[in-house]
N, C-alpha and C. Protein backbone atom coordinates (compact mmCIF):
# COMPACT_ATOMS: atom_id res chain seq x y z
N MET A 1 -29.18 4.72 17.13
CA MET A 1 -28.72 4.17 15.73
C MET A 1 -28.13 5.05 15.19
N ALA A 2 -27.31 6.53 15.63
CA ALA A 2 -26.70 7.35 14.69
C ALA A 2 -25.39 6.73 14.97
N ALA A 3 -25.24 6.03 16.30
CA ALA A 3 -23.80 5.65 16.36
C ALA A 3 -22.85 4.43 15.24
N LYS A 4 -24.12 3.53 15.02
CA LYS A 4 -24.17 2.81 14.14
C LYS A 4 -23.47 3.77 12.52
N LYS A 5 -24.18 4.87 12.41
CA LYS A 5 -23.65 5.20 11.05
C LYS A 5 -22.36 6.35 11.05
N GLU A 6 -21.79 5.86 12.00
CA GLU A 6 -20.28 6.56 12.14
C GLU A 6 -19.54 6.70 11.26
N ALA A 7 -18.43 7.66 10.66
CA ALA A 7 -17.87 8.11 9.62
C ALA A 7 -16.56 6.83 9.64
N ALA A 8 -16.36 6.17 8.74
CA ALA A 8 -15.38 4.97 8.32
C ALA A 8 -13.72 6.03 9.28
N LYS A 9 -12.98 5.30 9.79
CA LYS A 9 -12.03 5.86 10.09
C LYS A 9 -10.77 5.86 9.14
N MET A 10 -10.54 6.98 8.84
CA MET A 10 -9.31 7.58 8.10
C MET A 10 -7.92 7.76 8.68
N LEU A 11 -7.19 7.44 7.71
CA LEU A 11 -5.64 8.28 8.14
C LEU A 11 -4.58 8.80 7.23
N LYS A 12 -4.50 9.75 7.96
CA LYS A 12 -3.30 10.83 7.50
C LYS A 12 -2.00 10.00 6.84
N ILE A 13 -1.88 10.29 5.97
CA ILE A 13 -0.19 9.52 5.61
C ILE A 13 0.38 10.52 4.76
N THR A 14 1.82 10.91 5.12
CA THR A 14 2.42 11.55 4.71
C THR A 14 3.84 11.45 4.52
N LEU A 15 4.52 11.37 2.66
CA LEU A 15 5.65 10.98 2.75
C LEU A 15 6.86 11.91 3.02
N VAL A 16 7.38 11.53 3.79
CA VAL A 16 8.54 12.36 4.66
C VAL A 16 9.89 11.86 4.14
N ARG A 17 10.34 10.82 3.50
CA ARG A 17 11.52 10.40 3.23
C ARG A 17 11.40 10.27 1.38
N SER A 18 12.39 10.41 1.04
CA SER A 18 11.97 10.48 -0.83
C SER A 18 12.39 9.03 -1.28
N THR A 19 11.59 8.17 -2.37
CA THR A 19 11.30 7.34 -3.04
C THR A 19 13.07 7.12 -3.78
N ILE A 20 13.55 8.14 -4.00
CA ILE A 20 15.50 7.78 -4.65
C ILE A 20 15.83 7.17 -3.83
N GLY A 21 16.70 5.67 -4.51
CA GLY A 21 17.16 4.55 -4.19
C GLY A 21 16.52 3.77 -3.41
N GLN A 22 15.09 3.88 -3.87
CA GLN A 22 14.52 2.49 -2.58
C GLN A 22 14.18 1.83 -3.49
N VAL A 23 13.84 0.19 -2.85
CA VAL A 23 13.45 -0.53 -3.86
C VAL A 23 12.19 -0.43 -4.96
N PRO A 24 12.29 -0.76 -5.93
CA PRO A 24 11.12 -0.89 -7.23
C PRO A 24 10.05 -1.09 -6.13
N LYS A 25 9.88 -2.14 -5.12
CA LYS A 25 8.55 -2.53 -4.47
C LYS A 25 8.05 -1.33 -3.67
N ALA A 26 9.06 -0.33 -2.79
CA ALA A 26 8.45 0.23 -2.06
C ALA A 26 8.15 1.60 -2.71
N ARG A 27 8.56 2.01 -4.24
CA ARG A 27 8.44 3.46 -5.02
C ARG A 27 6.85 2.91 -5.66
N ALA A 28 6.64 1.87 -5.72
CA ALA A 28 5.42 1.27 -6.39
C ALA A 28 4.47 1.20 -5.33
N THR A 29 4.54 1.00 -4.02
CA THR A 29 4.07 1.19 -2.87
C THR A 29 3.16 1.94 -2.77
N VAL A 30 4.49 3.29 -2.58
CA VAL A 30 4.30 4.69 -2.48
C VAL A 30 3.19 5.12 -3.28
N ALA A 31 3.42 5.11 -4.84
CA ALA A 31 2.77 5.71 -5.73
C ALA A 31 1.43 4.94 -6.02
N ALA A 32 1.55 3.98 -5.18
CA ALA A 32 -0.05 3.23 -5.08
C ALA A 32 -1.11 4.11 -3.92
N MET A 33 -0.36 4.63 -3.40
CA MET A 33 -0.91 4.98 -2.01
C MET A 33 -1.64 6.63 -2.84
N GLY A 34 -0.87 7.25 -3.65
CA GLY A 34 -1.10 8.39 -4.22
C GLY A 34 -0.20 9.32 -4.10
N LEU A 35 0.61 9.30 -3.25
CA LEU A 35 2.00 10.23 -3.01
C LEU A 35 3.23 10.20 -4.01
N ARG A 36 3.13 11.16 -4.56
CA ARG A 36 4.19 11.81 -5.73
C ARG A 36 5.35 12.77 -4.65
N LYS A 37 4.87 13.63 -4.17
CA LYS A 37 6.03 14.45 -3.50
C LYS A 37 6.46 14.61 -2.15
N LEU A 38 7.61 15.20 -1.44
CA LEU A 38 7.87 14.69 -0.03
C LEU A 38 6.79 15.93 0.67
N HIS A 39 6.49 15.39 1.57
CA HIS A 39 5.39 16.16 2.46
C HIS A 39 4.32 16.37 1.74
N GLN A 40 3.66 15.42 1.29
CA GLN A 40 2.23 15.49 0.71
C GLN A 40 1.82 14.65 1.62
N THR A 41 0.58 14.96 1.76
CA THR A 41 -0.42 14.38 2.95
C THR A 41 -1.56 13.89 1.91
N VAL A 42 -1.97 12.59 2.33
CA VAL A 42 -2.99 11.87 1.65
C VAL A 42 -3.79 10.81 2.70
N GLU A 43 -5.15 10.86 2.51
CA GLU A 43 -6.44 10.53 3.12
C GLU A 43 -6.40 9.04 2.80
N LEU A 44 -6.34 8.08 3.39
CA LEU A 44 -7.02 6.68 3.12
C LEU A 44 -7.87 5.99 4.09
N PRO A 45 -8.41 5.39 3.66
CA PRO A 45 -9.12 4.36 4.94
C PRO A 45 -8.75 3.35 5.97
N ASP A 46 -8.95 3.83 7.08
CA ASP A 46 -8.30 2.38 7.88
C ASP A 46 -8.63 1.17 7.71
N ASN A 47 -7.78 0.72 6.71
CA ASN A 47 -8.25 -1.04 6.95
C ASN A 47 -7.30 -1.62 6.59
N ALA A 48 -7.27 -2.94 6.47
CA ALA A 48 -6.17 -4.19 6.26
C ALA A 48 -5.37 -4.13 4.80
N ALA A 49 -5.59 -3.42 4.24
CA ALA A 49 -5.24 -3.31 2.53
C ALA A 49 -3.88 -1.80 3.02
N THR A 50 -4.90 -0.93 3.48
CA THR A 50 -4.02 0.14 3.46
C THR A 50 -3.13 0.16 4.68
N ARG A 51 -2.88 -0.64 5.79
CA ARG A 51 -1.93 -1.12 6.92
C ARG A 51 -1.37 -1.35 6.33
N GLY A 52 -1.15 -2.79 5.32
CA GLY A 52 -0.38 -3.37 4.76
C GLY A 52 0.59 -2.33 3.98
N GLN A 53 -0.14 -1.76 3.23
CA GLN A 53 0.88 -1.05 2.16
C GLN A 53 2.04 0.12 3.46
N ILE A 54 1.08 0.58 4.52
CA ILE A 54 1.95 1.28 5.24
C ILE A 54 3.29 0.38 5.73
N GLN A 55 2.75 -1.06 6.29
CA GLN A 55 4.17 -1.56 6.64
C GLN A 55 5.04 -1.58 5.85
N ARG A 56 4.82 -1.90 4.24
CA ARG A 56 5.88 -2.00 3.70
C ARG A 56 6.83 -0.68 3.54
N VAL A 57 6.32 0.43 3.63
CA VAL A 57 6.89 1.35 3.34
C VAL A 57 6.98 2.35 4.91
N ARG A 58 7.17 1.73 6.14
CA ARG A 58 6.80 2.75 7.31
C ARG A 58 7.96 3.71 7.46
N HIS A 59 9.28 2.90 7.04
CA HIS A 59 10.41 4.06 7.01
C HIS A 59 10.31 5.37 6.42
N MET A 60 9.37 5.40 5.28
CA MET A 60 9.30 6.38 4.65
C MET A 60 8.25 7.14 4.74
N VAL A 61 7.15 6.85 5.64
CA VAL A 61 6.28 7.78 5.74
C VAL A 61 5.75 8.07 7.30
N LYS A 62 5.18 9.20 7.09
CA LYS A 62 4.43 9.50 9.16
C LYS A 62 2.88 9.05 8.82
N VAL A 63 2.14 8.51 9.99
CA VAL A 63 1.02 8.22 9.63
C VAL A 63 0.43 8.51 11.11
N GLU A 64 -0.96 9.55 10.45
CA GLU A 64 -1.71 10.04 11.87
C GLU A 64 -3.30 9.43 11.86
N GLU A 65 -3.64 9.30 12.93
CA GLU A 65 -4.95 9.22 12.76
C GLU A 65 -5.89 10.71 12.12
N ALA A 66 -7.06 10.93 11.21
CA ALA A 66 -7.56 11.94 10.71
C ALA A 66 -8.80 12.20 11.14
C-alpha cells in the first residue's frame, strides 16, 4: 500500500539564459514558471502543463529530475 502513496514527481528547472531579447511569449512563460533571475531554480510538478512550458522555453532553461 505504501507504494501507491509515492510522492509526486518533481522537476528542478533552472534559468540559464536571459529573457532579454526573447519574444514576449517566452518571457511570460518564464515568469509563469516563477523564474525571475539567472541561475534561479524552482521545483515544479512533472505534468503535461509543466512539460509544455519547458518545451516553449527549452533554449533558456536546464531541467533535472528532483
